[in-house]
Amino acid sequence: MSGDGARPTHRLFIAVDPSAEAVEHLGTVVDRLRVSLANAPGRSTRLTRRENWHITVAFLGDVPTARLPVAAAVMQEVAARLVPLRLSVAGGGTFGGRRDPILWAGIGGEVDGLRRLARLLQRGLRRARLPVDDRPPRPHLTLARPGSRLTPEDVAADVATLAGYEGPPWTASALYLMRSEIEQSPTGPAPKYTAVATAPLGPAS
């Protein structure tokens, strides 16, 4: 794809990233899940690549290129009013029904602060006349979208494994405005996420 000026829109979301330690710790558990063991070229269970693990705190969708700086400014304004958050990965579950489950890991720690952050971002983006998903925030990390590629029994077994999981805490100290694109991978189309703006949590020193 060519330079930013050639794009009429960007597909955007605002996220908090887990620490490298949290990703590595969770990864050792995810590697043993049935959704991972069943994944293979030609039989993708649509695992989320580890470099794409994130906590979405606001989903904007398609935003005109000229409005990207406005989205970044809203993010920076909200971030400056808050403080870093102590978080961890804990538990897990599924969204959707038995026929099309999305497997996720839960978030522990200062989750109330994370939800408040999400609501402030929603409010600020609406005021700026930007698109935003207004659904109540449900902080999580998406691990896989196996659909019917995994039996309901295997999905339930993975949820049971995640239910008892608790990872190392980390301090989330920044927000990232992310651009989502689709690229080809060995197992088919996959999202690629690129940070286009960053905002530290807390007032500037």
Protein backbone atom coordinates (compact mmCIF):
# COMPACT_ATOMS: atom_id res chain seq x y z
CA MET A 1 0.00 0.00 0.00
CA SER A 2 1.32 3.48 -0.77
CA GLY A 3 1.93 6.42 1.54
CA ASP A 4 -0.60 7.80 4.02
CA GLY A 5 -1.69 10.56 1.69
CA ALA A 6 -3.06 7.96 -0.74
CA ARG A 7 -5.32 6.38 1.87
CA PRO A 8 -8.81 7.90 2.09
CA THR A 9 -9.33 6.32 5.52
CA HIS A 10 -7.50 4.51 8.31
CA ARG A 11 -9.06 1.74 10.38
CA LEU A 12 -8.17 2.83 13.91
CA PHE A 13 -8.36 1.74 17.53
CA ILE A 14 -6.73 2.90 20.77
CA ALA A 15 -4.95 0.29 22.87
CA VAL A 16 -2.89 -0.52 25.92
CA ASP A 17 -0.08 -3.03 25.40
CA PRO A 18 0.91 -5.82 27.79
CA SER A 19 4.54 -5.92 28.88
CA ALA A 20 7.03 -8.24 27.20
CA GLU A 21 7.15 -10.31 30.40
CA ALA A 22 3.35 -10.64 30.44
CA VAL A 23 3.33 -11.72 26.78
CA GLU A 24 6.04 -14.33 27.34
CA HIS A 25 4.35 -15.72 30.47
CA LEU A 26 0.94 -15.97 28.80
CA GLY A 27 2.53 -17.40 25.67
CA THR A 28 3.77 -20.49 27.51
CA VAL A 29 0.17 -21.25 28.49
CA VAL A 30 -1.32 -20.43 25.09
CA ASP A 31 1.19 -22.77 23.41
CA ARG A 32 -0.37 -25.68 25.35
CA LEU A 33 -3.99 -24.80 24.56
CA ARG A 34 -5.89 -27.04 22.16
CA VAL A 35 -6.50 -24.08 19.87
CA SER A 36 -2.72 -23.81 19.45
CA LEU A 37 -2.05 -27.53 19.07
CA ALA A 38 -4.68 -27.74 16.33
CA ASN A 39 -3.23 -24.82 14.37
CA ALA A 40 -1.28 -25.76 11.24
CA PRO A 41 -0.73 -24.57 7.66
CA GLY A 42 -3.91 -25.35 5.78
CA ARG A 43 -5.85 -25.70 9.04
CA SER A 44 -5.72 -22.33 10.72
CA THR A 45 -7.48 -21.85 14.05
CA ARG A 46 -6.98 -18.11 13.57
CA LEU A 47 -4.60 -17.60 16.47
CA THR A 48 -3.74 -13.99 17.23
CA ARG A 49 -0.03 -13.37 16.70
CA ARG A 50 1.69 -12.44 19.94
CA GLU A 51 2.97 -9.15 18.58
CA ASN A 52 -0.72 -8.26 18.06
CA TRP A 53 -1.83 -8.95 21.64
CA HIS A 54 -3.33 -5.76 23.03
CA ILE A 55 -6.17 -4.39 25.15
CA THR A 56 -8.52 -2.26 23.06
CA VAL A 57 -9.81 0.72 25.05
CA ALA A 58 -11.58 2.46 22.14
CA PHE A 59 -12.49 1.22 18.67
CA LEU A 60 -13.00 3.91 16.05
CA GLY A 61 -13.24 1.95 12.80
CA ASP A 62 -12.69 3.80 9.52
CA VAL A 63 -11.52 7.40 10.03
CA PRO A 64 -10.72 9.84 7.18
CA THR A 65 -6.98 10.39 6.85
CA ALA A 66 -7.35 14.12 7.46
CA ARG A 67 -8.99 13.40 10.84
CA LEU A 68 -6.21 11.18 12.18
CA PRO A 69 -4.49 14.09 14.03
CA VAL A 70 -7.81 14.86 15.75
CA ALA A 71 -8.05 11.28 17.02
CA ALA A 72 -4.47 11.48 18.28
CA ALA A 73 -5.20 14.79 20.05
CA VAL A 74 -8.24 13.31 21.84
CA MET A 75 -6.14 10.37 22.99
CA GLN A 76 -3.39 12.65 24.27
CA GLU A 77 -5.85 14.91 26.10
CA VAL A 78 -7.51 11.99 27.89
CA ALA A 79 -4.20 10.30 28.72
CA ALA A 80 -2.83 13.46 30.32
CA ARG A 81 -5.74 13.52 32.80
CA LEU A 82 -5.10 10.02 34.14
CA VAL A 83 -2.30 8.00 35.72
CA PRO A 84 -0.51 4.76 34.79
CA LEU A 85 -2.43 1.59 35.61
CA ARG A 86 -1.22 -1.61 37.26
CA LEU A 87 -2.64 -4.52 35.25
CA SER A 88 -2.24 -8.25 34.76
CA VAL A 89 -3.65 -10.99 32.55
CA ALA A 90 -6.02 -13.21 34.53
CA GLY A 91 -8.71 -15.72 33.60
CA GLY A 92 -10.37 -16.06 30.23
CA GLY A 93 -13.50 -16.99 28.36
CA THR A 94 -15.28 -16.72 25.03
CA PHE A 95 -17.44 -14.21 23.20
CA GLY A 96 -20.04 -15.37 20.73
CA GLY A 97 -21.91 -18.66 20.67
CA ARG A 98 -20.77 -22.26 20.40
CA ARG A 99 -20.68 -22.07 16.61
CA ASP A 100 -18.43 -19.00 16.33
CA PRO A 101 -16.45 -18.51 19.56
CA ILE A 102 -13.75 -15.90 20.13
CA LEU A 103 -11.28 -17.07 22.78
CA TRP A 104 -9.91 -14.36 25.07
CA ALA A 105 -7.76 -13.85 28.17
CA GLY A 106 -9.10 -11.57 30.90
CA ILE A 107 -7.51 -8.56 32.56
CA GLY A 108 -6.95 -8.12 36.29
CA GLY A 109 -5.57 -5.36 38.48
CA GLU A 110 -6.82 -1.77 38.15
CA VAL A 111 -9.59 -2.70 35.73
CA ASP A 112 -11.96 -0.01 37.04
CA GLY A 113 -9.38 2.57 35.99
CA LEU A 114 -9.14 0.92 32.58
CA ARG A 115 -12.91 1.08 32.14
CA ARG A 116 -12.94 4.74 33.18
CA LEU A 117 -10.21 5.42 30.63
CA ALA A 118 -12.31 3.72 27.94
CA ARG A 119 -15.41 5.75 28.81
CA LEU A 120 -13.46 9.03 28.75
CA LEU A 121 -12.05 8.16 25.34
CA GLN A 122 -15.53 7.32 24.01
CA ARG A 123 -16.84 10.66 25.29
CA GLY A 124 -13.92 12.64 23.87
CA LEU A 125 -14.10 10.97 20.48
CA ARG A 126 -17.84 11.61 20.24
CA ARG A 127 -17.32 15.29 21.10
CA ALA A 128 -14.74 15.49 18.34
CA ARG A 129 -17.31 13.99 15.93
CA LEU A 130 -15.22 10.89 15.34
CA PRO A 131 -16.71 7.40 15.01
CA VAL A 132 -16.44 5.22 18.12
CA ASP A 133 -17.93 1.97 19.36
CA ASP A 134 -20.11 3.00 22.31
CA ARG A 135 -20.52 -0.46 23.84
CA PRO A 136 -19.48 -0.81 27.52
CA PRO A 137 -15.77 -1.67 27.73
CA ARG A 138 -14.85 -5.33 28.33
CA PRO A 139 -11.05 -5.36 28.76
CA HIS A 140 -9.46 -8.50 27.30
CA LEU A 141 -6.78 -9.91 25.00
CA THR A 142 -8.12 -11.77 21.96
CA LEU A 143 -6.24 -15.08 21.62
CA ALA A 144 -8.02 -16.82 18.72
CA ARG A 145 -11.11 -16.87 16.54
CA PRO A 146 -11.39 -20.61 15.85
CA GLY A 147 -15.05 -20.67 14.79
CA SER A 148 -16.01 -24.21 13.83
CA ARG A 149 -12.35 -25.21 13.33
CA LEU A 150 -12.28 -26.38 16.97
CA THR A 151 -14.89 -28.53 18.68
CA PRO A 152 -16.98 -26.97 21.48
CA GLU A 153 -15.39 -29.48 23.86
CA ASP A 154 -11.88 -28.30 22.94
CA VAL A 155 -12.91 -24.66 23.34
CA ALA A 156 -14.39 -25.44 26.77
CA ALA A 157 -11.16 -27.20 27.78
CA ASP A 158 -9.13 -24.12 26.81
CA VAL A 159 -11.48 -21.84 28.76
CA ALA A 160 -11.05 -24.09 31.81
CA THR A 161 -7.26 -23.80 31.48
CA LEU A 162 -7.40 -20.02 31.19
CA ALA A 163 -9.83 -19.71 34.11
CA GLY A 164 -7.08 -20.52 36.57
CA TYR A 165 -4.41 -18.41 34.90
CA GLU A 166 -2.84 -15.35 36.52
CA GLY A 167 0.11 -13.64 34.90
CA PRO A 168 2.73 -11.19 36.21
CA PRO A 169 1.58 -7.60 36.79
CA TRP A 170 2.84 -4.71 34.72
CA THR A 171 2.35 -0.94 34.65
CA ALA A 172 0.52 0.38 31.60
CA SER A 173 2.05 3.81 31.11
CA ALA A 174 0.97 4.75 27.57
CA LEU A 175 -1.85 4.63 25.05
CA TYR A 176 -1.33 3.82 21.38
CA LEU A 177 -3.42 4.91 18.40
CA MET A 178 -3.22 1.86 16.14
CA ARG A 179 -3.86 1.43 12.44
CA SER A 180 -5.25 -1.97 11.39
CA GLU A 181 -4.53 -3.45 7.97
CA ILE A 182 -4.85 -6.93 6.47
CA GLU A 183 -1.80 -8.76 5.14
CA GLN A 184 -1.20 -12.29 3.88
CA SER A 185 0.37 -14.86 6.23
CA PRO A 186 1.21 -18.59 5.79
CA THR A 187 -2.22 -19.46 7.23
CA GLY A 188 -4.17 -16.84 5.26
CA PRO A 189 -5.17 -13.17 5.69
CA ALA A 190 -4.13 -11.71 9.05
CA PRO A 191 -4.30 -8.27 10.68
CA LYS A 192 -1.25 -6.06 10.90
CA TYR A 193 -1.25 -3.33 13.56
CA THR A 194 0.93 -0.21 13.40
CA ALA A 195 1.17 2.52 16.04
CA VAL A 196 0.57 5.93 14.45
CA ALA A 197 0.57 7.98 17.68
CA THR A 198 1.51 7.51 21.35
CA ALA A 199 0.32 9.25 24.49
CA PRO A 200 1.88 8.74 27.96
CA LEU A 201 -0.56 8.28 30.81
CA GLY A 202 -0.26 11.11 33.30
CA PRO A 203 0.48 14.83 33.07
CA ALA A 204 3.60 15.85 31.18
CA SER A 205 6.58 16.48 33.48
